[in-house]
Amino acid sequence: MEVILREEVEKLGRRGDLVKVAAGYARNYLLPKKLAVTATESNKKIVEQEKQAHLRREAKEVSEAQELGKLMGSVSVTIAQKAGENDQLFGSVTAGDVAAALEKLGYTIDRRKVHLEEPIKQLGEHKVTVRLHRDVSIDVPVHVVRED
């Protein structure tokens, strides 16, 4: 059965692709979840219009993320934490802590967009990657200092 994908489906295709799938897969999964529509001429035109609208929306989101990245280019975050000997923290600095510190500076960033390899457990300066969009990410310096 031929269907046109309305959303990206892993291991099958991207939005707007015409794919051939088993009838049961289409009837029981793709069509009820509105991930695809049957491949008719009218549906092809509708999906093409949706694809164009999605591309315009995506371009707008990328340009907004790039603007935000330029604004955040000179931002650095300072977080105060309790620390013991050898500059070891008594807890750790997580993505949520970095997002909260950015919020205090006026940038609303979701904590899931802040990427740490592992939580920060040492005092000092660290680089943290913030993904503003799938194609746009910036590095923000995070200074972890001893709390008085």
N, C-alpha and C. Protein backbone atom coordinates (compact mmCIF):
# COMPACT_ATOMS: atom_id res chain seq x y z
N MET A 1 0.84 -1.17 0.00
CA MET A 1 0.00 0.00 0.00
C MET A 1 0.89 1.24 0.00
N GLU A 2 0.58 2.20 -0.81
CA GLU A 2 1.36 3.43 -0.88
C GLU A 2 0.71 4.50 0.00
N VAL A 3 1.56 5.13 0.84
CA VAL A 3 1.09 6.22 1.70
C VAL A 3 2.06 7.39 1.59
N ILE A 4 1.57 8.56 1.96
CA ILE A 4 2.41 9.76 2.00
C ILE A 4 2.58 10.13 3.47
N LEU A 5 3.83 10.26 3.91
CA LEU A 5 4.10 10.55 5.31
C LEU A 5 3.81 12.02 5.62
N ARG A 6 3.12 12.25 6.73
CA ARG A 6 2.83 13.60 7.18
C ARG A 6 3.83 14.06 8.23
N GLU A 7 4.49 13.12 8.86
CA GLU A 7 5.52 13.39 9.87
C GLU A 7 6.71 12.48 9.58
N GLU A 8 7.83 12.77 10.19
CA GLU A 8 9.00 11.92 10.03
C GLU A 8 8.80 10.65 10.85
N VAL A 9 8.96 9.50 10.23
CA VAL A 9 8.83 8.21 10.90
C VAL A 9 10.19 7.53 10.83
N GLU A 10 10.71 7.16 12.01
CA GLU A 10 12.04 6.56 12.06
C GLU A 10 12.10 5.28 11.24
N LYS A 11 13.16 5.12 10.50
CA LYS A 11 13.43 3.96 9.65
C LYS A 11 12.43 3.78 8.51
N LEU A 12 11.64 4.83 8.22
CA LEU A 12 10.68 4.72 7.13
C LEU A 12 10.83 5.87 6.15
N GLY A 13 10.86 7.10 6.65
CA GLY A 13 11.01 8.22 5.75
C GLY A 13 10.73 9.54 6.44
N ARG A 14 10.80 10.61 5.64
CA ARG A 14 10.61 11.96 6.16
C ARG A 14 9.28 12.51 5.69
N ARG A 15 8.93 13.65 6.21
CA ARG A 15 7.68 14.32 5.88
C ARG A 15 7.56 14.52 4.37
N GLY A 16 6.42 14.11 3.79
CA GLY A 16 6.16 14.29 2.37
C GLY A 16 6.65 13.16 1.49
N ASP A 17 7.33 12.17 2.03
CA ASP A 17 7.83 11.05 1.23
C ASP A 17 6.69 10.10 0.87
N LEU A 18 6.74 9.57 -0.34
CA LEU A 18 5.80 8.56 -0.79
C LEU A 18 6.47 7.21 -0.56
N VAL A 19 5.90 6.39 0.35
CA VAL A 19 6.52 5.12 0.71
C VAL A 19 5.52 3.99 0.53
N LYS A 20 6.06 2.81 0.30
CA LYS A 20 5.25 1.61 0.15
C LYS A 20 5.41 0.80 1.43
N VAL A 21 4.27 0.53 2.09
CA VAL A 21 4.30 -0.21 3.35
C VAL A 21 3.26 -1.32 3.29
N ALA A 22 3.33 -2.23 4.24
CA ALA A 22 2.33 -3.29 4.34
C ALA A 22 0.98 -2.67 4.69
N ALA A 23 -0.07 -3.25 4.16
CA ALA A 23 -1.41 -2.70 4.38
C ALA A 23 -1.77 -2.67 5.86
N GLY A 24 -1.41 -3.69 6.61
CA GLY A 24 -1.71 -3.73 8.04
C GLY A 24 -0.99 -2.64 8.81
N TYR A 25 0.27 -2.41 8.47
CA TYR A 25 1.05 -1.35 9.13
C TYR A 25 0.41 0.00 8.90
N ALA A 26 -0.01 0.25 7.67
CA ALA A 26 -0.65 1.53 7.35
C ALA A 26 -1.99 1.63 8.05
N ARG A 27 -2.80 0.60 7.95
CA ARG A 27 -4.16 0.64 8.48
C ARG A 27 -4.19 0.69 10.01
N ASN A 28 -3.27 -0.03 10.67
CA ASN A 28 -3.32 -0.14 12.13
C ASN A 28 -2.42 0.84 12.87
N TYR A 29 -1.42 1.42 12.19
CA TYR A 29 -0.49 2.30 12.91
C TYR A 29 -0.40 3.68 12.28
N LEU A 30 0.00 3.75 11.02
CA LEU A 30 0.27 5.05 10.40
C LEU A 30 -0.98 5.90 10.24
N LEU A 31 -2.04 5.35 9.72
CA LEU A 31 -3.26 6.12 9.47
C LEU A 31 -3.98 6.56 10.76
N PRO A 32 -4.18 5.67 11.75
CA PRO A 32 -4.85 6.13 12.98
C PRO A 32 -4.08 7.19 13.76
N LYS A 33 -2.76 7.14 13.71
CA LYS A 33 -1.94 8.13 14.42
C LYS A 33 -1.69 9.38 13.59
N LYS A 34 -2.31 9.43 12.41
CA LYS A 34 -2.19 10.57 11.49
C LYS A 34 -0.74 10.86 11.11
N LEU A 35 0.07 9.80 11.04
CA LEU A 35 1.44 9.93 10.59
C LEU A 35 1.52 9.88 9.07
N ALA A 36 0.45 9.37 8.43
CA ALA A 36 0.45 9.23 6.97
C ALA A 36 -0.98 9.30 6.46
N VAL A 37 -1.09 9.55 5.14
CA VAL A 37 -2.38 9.51 4.46
C VAL A 37 -2.21 8.63 3.22
N THR A 38 -3.32 8.10 2.73
CA THR A 38 -3.24 7.26 1.54
C THR A 38 -2.80 8.10 0.35
N ALA A 39 -2.12 7.48 -0.59
CA ALA A 39 -1.52 8.20 -1.71
C ALA A 39 -2.53 8.39 -2.83
N THR A 40 -3.33 9.47 -2.74
CA THR A 40 -4.23 9.85 -3.83
C THR A 40 -3.76 11.20 -4.35
N GLU A 41 -4.26 11.60 -5.50
CA GLU A 41 -3.83 12.87 -6.10
C GLU A 41 -4.17 14.06 -5.21
N SER A 42 -5.37 14.07 -4.63
CA SER A 42 -5.75 15.20 -3.78
C SER A 42 -4.89 15.23 -2.51
N ASN A 43 -4.61 14.07 -1.93
CA ASN A 43 -3.76 14.03 -0.74
C ASN A 43 -2.34 14.46 -1.05
N LYS A 44 -1.85 14.14 -2.24
CA LYS A 44 -0.50 14.56 -2.63
C LYS A 44 -0.40 16.08 -2.64
N LYS A 45 -1.44 16.75 -3.16
CA LYS A 45 -1.44 18.22 -3.20
C LYS A 45 -1.51 18.80 -1.79
N ILE A 46 -2.36 18.23 -0.95
CA ILE A 46 -2.50 18.73 0.43
C ILE A 46 -1.20 18.56 1.20
N VAL A 47 -0.57 17.40 1.08
CA VAL A 47 0.68 17.14 1.80
C VAL A 47 1.79 18.05 1.28
N GLU A 48 1.81 18.34 0.00
CA GLU A 48 2.81 19.26 -0.56
C GLU A 48 2.64 20.66 0.03
N GLN A 49 1.39 21.10 0.18
CA GLN A 49 1.14 22.41 0.80
C GLN A 49 1.59 22.42 2.25
N GLU A 50 1.29 21.34 2.99
CA GLU A 50 1.74 21.23 4.38
C GLU A 50 3.25 21.23 4.47
N LYS A 51 3.89 20.58 3.53
CA LYS A 51 5.36 20.52 3.52
C LYS A 51 5.96 21.91 3.32
N GLN A 52 5.37 22.68 2.40
CA GLN A 52 5.86 24.05 2.16
C GLN A 52 5.66 24.92 3.41
N ALA A 53 4.51 24.80 4.07
CA ALA A 53 4.25 25.57 5.29
C ALA A 53 5.23 25.17 6.39
N HIS A 54 5.51 23.87 6.48
CA HIS A 54 6.46 23.39 7.48
C HIS A 54 7.86 23.95 7.21
N LEU A 55 8.27 23.98 5.95
CA LEU A 55 9.59 24.51 5.61
C LEU A 55 9.69 26.00 5.96
N ARG A 56 8.63 26.76 5.70
CA ARG A 56 8.64 28.18 6.07
C ARG A 56 8.73 28.35 7.59
N ARG A 57 7.96 27.56 8.32
CA ARG A 57 7.99 27.63 9.78
C ARG A 57 9.37 27.25 10.31
N GLU A 58 9.95 26.22 9.73
CA GLU A 58 11.28 25.77 10.15
C GLU A 58 12.34 26.85 9.90
N ALA A 59 12.26 27.51 8.76
CA ALA A 59 13.22 28.58 8.45
C ALA A 59 13.08 29.72 9.44
N LYS A 60 11.86 30.03 9.83
CA LYS A 60 11.63 31.10 10.80
C LYS A 60 12.22 30.71 12.16
N GLU A 61 12.01 29.47 12.59
CA GLU A 61 12.55 29.00 13.87
C GLU A 61 14.07 29.04 13.87
N VAL A 62 14.69 28.66 12.75
CA VAL A 62 16.16 28.67 12.66
C VAL A 62 16.68 30.11 12.77
N SER A 63 16.03 31.05 12.07
CA SER A 63 16.51 32.44 12.13
C SER A 63 16.32 33.01 13.52
N GLU A 64 15.22 32.68 14.21
CA GLU A 64 15.03 33.15 15.58
C GLU A 64 16.08 32.56 16.51
N ALA A 65 16.41 31.29 16.33
CA ALA A 65 17.43 30.65 17.16
C ALA A 65 18.81 31.27 16.91
N GLN A 66 19.11 31.61 15.66
CA GLN A 66 20.39 32.25 15.36
C GLN A 66 20.46 33.64 15.99
N GLU A 67 19.35 34.39 15.98
CA GLU A 67 19.32 35.70 16.63
C GLU A 67 19.55 35.57 18.12
N LEU A 68 18.88 34.60 18.75
CA LEU A 68 19.07 34.36 20.17
C LEU A 68 20.50 33.94 20.46
N GLY A 69 21.08 33.15 19.58
CA GLY A 69 22.48 32.73 19.74
C GLY A 69 23.43 33.92 19.70
N LYS A 70 23.17 34.89 18.81
CA LYS A 70 24.00 36.10 18.75
C LYS A 70 23.86 36.90 20.04
N LEU A 71 22.64 37.01 20.57
CA LEU A 71 22.43 37.73 21.82
C LEU A 71 23.14 37.05 22.98
N MET A 72 23.12 35.71 22.98
CA MET A 72 23.71 34.97 24.09
C MET A 72 25.21 34.72 23.90
N GLY A 73 25.78 35.22 22.84
CA GLY A 73 27.18 34.97 22.56
C GLY A 73 28.13 35.45 23.64
N SER A 74 27.79 36.52 24.33
CA SER A 74 28.68 37.08 25.34
C SER A 74 28.23 36.78 26.76
N VAL A 75 27.27 35.88 26.92
CA VAL A 75 26.74 35.56 28.24
C VAL A 75 27.65 34.56 28.94
N SER A 76 27.89 34.80 30.21
CA SER A 76 28.55 33.80 31.04
C SER A 76 27.76 33.68 32.34
N VAL A 77 27.73 32.49 32.87
CA VAL A 77 26.91 32.18 34.04
C VAL A 77 27.81 31.89 35.22
N THR A 78 27.44 32.44 36.39
CA THR A 78 28.17 32.17 37.62
C THR A 78 27.22 31.49 38.59
N ILE A 79 27.63 30.34 39.10
CA ILE A 79 26.81 29.57 40.03
C ILE A 79 27.63 29.34 41.30
N ALA A 80 27.02 29.69 42.44
CA ALA A 80 27.69 29.51 43.73
C ALA A 80 27.20 28.21 44.36
N GLN A 81 28.15 27.37 44.77
CA GLN A 81 27.83 26.09 45.40
C GLN A 81 28.74 25.87 46.60
N LYS A 82 28.25 25.10 47.56
CA LYS A 82 29.09 24.74 48.70
C LYS A 82 30.12 23.72 48.24
N ALA A 83 31.34 23.91 48.72
CA ALA A 83 32.42 23.01 48.29
C ALA A 83 33.29 22.65 49.47
N GLY A 84 33.90 21.50 49.41
CA GLY A 84 34.80 21.04 50.45
C GLY A 84 36.24 21.26 50.04
N GLU A 85 37.10 20.44 50.60
CA GLU A 85 38.52 20.53 50.26
C GLU A 85 38.73 20.06 48.82
N ASN A 86 39.84 20.46 48.26
CA ASN A 86 40.22 20.09 46.88
C ASN A 86 39.20 20.57 45.85
N ASP A 87 38.47 21.62 46.16
CA ASP A 87 37.48 22.23 45.26
C ASP A 87 36.41 21.25 44.79
N GLN A 88 36.11 20.27 45.61
CA GLN A 88 35.07 19.28 45.29
C GLN A 88 33.73 19.80 45.80
N LEU A 89 32.70 19.79 44.96
CA LEU A 89 31.39 20.28 45.37
C LEU A 89 30.69 19.26 46.26
N PHE A 90 29.83 19.75 47.17
CA PHE A 90 29.04 18.86 48.03
C PHE A 90 27.82 18.31 47.29
N GLY A 91 27.53 18.84 46.15
CA GLY A 91 26.45 18.33 45.31
C GLY A 91 26.98 18.34 43.89
N SER A 92 26.17 18.79 42.98
CA SER A 92 26.64 18.95 41.62
C SER A 92 25.80 20.02 40.94
N VAL A 93 26.35 20.57 39.87
CA VAL A 93 25.64 21.55 39.06
C VAL A 93 25.03 20.79 37.89
N THR A 94 23.71 20.85 37.76
CA THR A 94 23.01 20.10 36.72
C THR A 94 22.52 21.05 35.63
N ALA A 95 21.93 20.48 34.61
CA ALA A 95 21.36 21.28 33.52
C ALA A 95 20.26 22.20 34.04
N GLY A 96 19.50 21.75 35.01
CA GLY A 96 18.46 22.58 35.61
C GLY A 96 19.03 23.81 36.29
N ASP A 97 20.18 23.65 36.96
CA ASP A 97 20.83 24.79 37.62
C ASP A 97 21.31 25.81 36.60
N VAL A 98 21.87 25.33 35.49
CA VAL A 98 22.34 26.23 34.43
C VAL A 98 21.15 26.95 33.80
N ALA A 99 20.06 26.24 33.56
CA ALA A 99 18.86 26.86 32.97
C ALA A 99 18.29 27.91 33.92
N ALA A 100 18.29 27.64 35.23
CA ALA A 100 17.79 28.61 36.20
C ALA A 100 18.67 29.85 36.25
N ALA A 101 19.98 29.66 36.15
CA ALA A 101 20.90 30.81 36.13
C ALA A 101 20.71 31.64 34.87
N LEU A 102 20.48 30.99 33.73
CA LEU A 102 20.21 31.73 32.50
C LEU A 102 18.89 32.49 32.59
N GLU A 103 17.92 31.90 33.29
CA GLU A 103 16.62 32.57 33.46
C GLU A 103 16.78 33.85 34.27
N LYS A 104 17.66 33.82 35.28
CA LYS A 104 17.92 35.02 36.08
C LYS A 104 18.52 36.13 35.22
N LEU A 105 19.23 35.74 34.17
CA LEU A 105 19.84 36.72 33.26
C LEU A 105 18.84 37.17 32.18
N GLY A 106 17.65 36.58 32.17
CA GLY A 106 16.63 37.00 31.22
C GLY A 106 16.48 36.13 29.99
N TYR A 107 17.10 34.96 29.96
CA TYR A 107 16.99 34.03 28.83
C TYR A 107 16.22 32.81 29.28
N THR A 108 15.06 32.58 28.70
CA THR A 108 14.24 31.43 29.07
C THR A 108 14.65 30.26 28.19
N ILE A 109 15.40 29.34 28.79
CA ILE A 109 15.90 28.16 28.10
C ILE A 109 15.42 26.94 28.86
N ASP A 110 14.85 25.99 28.15
CA ASP A 110 14.40 24.75 28.77
C ASP A 110 15.62 23.94 29.20
N ARG A 111 15.53 23.32 30.37
CA ARG A 111 16.69 22.58 30.89
C ARG A 111 17.07 21.41 30.00
N ARG A 112 16.12 20.89 29.19
CA ARG A 112 16.44 19.78 28.30
C ARG A 112 17.30 20.23 27.12
N LYS A 113 17.40 21.53 26.89
CA LYS A 113 18.23 22.04 25.81
C LYS A 113 19.66 22.32 26.27
N VAL A 114 19.90 22.22 27.57
CA VAL A 114 21.24 22.40 28.13
C VAL A 114 21.88 21.02 28.20
N HIS A 115 22.99 20.85 27.48
CA HIS A 115 23.63 19.53 27.40
C HIS A 115 24.93 19.50 28.20
N LEU A 116 24.91 18.69 29.23
CA LEU A 116 26.10 18.42 30.03
C LEU A 116 26.48 16.96 29.82
N GLU A 117 27.75 16.69 29.61
CA GLU A 117 28.18 15.30 29.50
C GLU A 117 27.86 14.56 30.79
N GLU A 118 28.19 15.21 31.90
CA GLU A 118 27.87 14.71 33.23
C GLU A 118 27.77 15.91 34.15
N PRO A 119 27.08 15.81 35.28
CA PRO A 119 26.96 16.97 36.16
C PRO A 119 28.32 17.49 36.60
N ILE A 120 28.40 18.80 36.78
CA ILE A 120 29.66 19.45 37.17
C ILE A 120 29.87 19.23 38.66
N LYS A 121 31.04 18.71 39.05
CA LYS A 121 31.31 18.40 40.45
C LYS A 121 32.56 19.08 40.97
N GLN A 122 33.14 20.01 40.19
CA GLN A 122 34.35 20.71 40.59
C GLN A 122 34.14 22.21 40.48
N LEU A 123 34.81 22.97 41.32
CA LEU A 123 34.82 24.41 41.15
C LEU A 123 35.62 24.75 39.91
N GLY A 124 35.37 25.91 39.32
CA GLY A 124 36.14 26.34 38.17
C GLY A 124 35.26 26.73 37.01
N GLU A 125 35.90 26.85 35.84
CA GLU A 125 35.18 27.26 34.64
C GLU A 125 34.93 26.03 33.76
N HIS A 126 33.69 25.94 33.26
CA HIS A 126 33.29 24.82 32.42
C HIS A 126 32.53 25.35 31.21
N LYS A 127 32.62 24.64 30.10
CA LYS A 127 31.85 24.99 28.90
C LYS A 127 30.61 24.09 28.85
N VAL A 128 29.45 24.72 28.65
CA VAL A 128 28.19 23.99 28.56
C VAL A 128 27.55 24.31 27.22
N THR A 129 27.09 23.29 26.51
CA THR A 129 26.46 23.49 25.21
C THR A 129 24.96 23.67 25.40
N VAL A 130 24.42 24.72 24.78
CA VAL A 130 22.99 24.99 24.80
C VAL A 130 22.49 24.85 23.36
N ARG A 131 21.57 23.90 23.12
CA ARG A 131 21.02 23.70 21.78
C ARG A 131 19.75 24.52 21.65
N LEU A 132 19.83 25.61 20.91
CA LEU A 132 18.68 26.48 20.72
C LEU A 132 17.73 25.93 19.67
N HIS A 133 18.29 25.15 18.74
CA HIS A 133 17.51 24.52 17.66
C HIS A 133 18.31 23.32 17.22
N ARG A 134 17.72 22.48 16.41
CA ARG A 134 18.42 21.29 15.92
C ARG A 134 19.71 21.66 15.21
N ASP A 135 19.73 22.81 14.51
CA ASP A 135 20.90 23.23 13.74
C ASP A 135 21.72 24.32 14.43
N VAL A 136 21.24 24.88 15.54
CA VAL A 136 21.90 26.02 16.19
C VAL A 136 22.21 25.66 17.64
N SER A 137 23.50 25.71 17.98
CA SER A 137 23.89 25.50 19.38
C SER A 137 25.04 26.44 19.70
N ILE A 138 25.12 26.83 20.97
CA ILE A 138 26.19 27.73 21.41
C ILE A 138 26.83 27.15 22.67
N ASP A 139 28.05 27.58 22.94
CA ASP A 139 28.74 27.19 24.17
C ASP A 139 28.67 28.36 25.14
N VAL A 140 28.23 28.07 26.36
CA VAL A 140 28.11 29.09 27.40
C VAL A 140 29.13 28.76 28.50
N PRO A 141 30.00 29.72 28.85
CA PRO A 141 30.92 29.46 29.96
C PRO A 141 30.18 29.52 31.29
N VAL A 142 30.39 28.49 32.12
CA VAL A 142 29.78 28.43 33.43
C VAL A 142 30.90 28.46 34.47
N HIS A 143 30.84 29.47 35.34
CA HIS A 143 31.82 29.62 36.42
C HIS A 143 31.19 29.10 37.71
N VAL A 144 31.77 28.06 38.26
CA VAL A 144 31.27 27.51 39.52
C VAL A 144 32.22 28.02 40.61
N VAL A 145 31.65 28.80 41.55
CA VAL A 145 32.45 29.42 42.60
C VAL A 145 31.99 28.90 43.96
N ARG A 146 32.85 29.08 44.96
CA ARG A 146 32.56 28.64 46.32
C ARG A 146 31.54 29.56 46.95
N GLU A 147 30.52 28.96 47.56
CA GLU A 147 29.49 29.72 48.26
C GLU A 147 30.03 30.12 49.61
N ASP A 148 29.82 31.37 50.01
CA ASP A 148 30.33 31.85 51.32
C ASP A 148 29.41 31.47 52.45
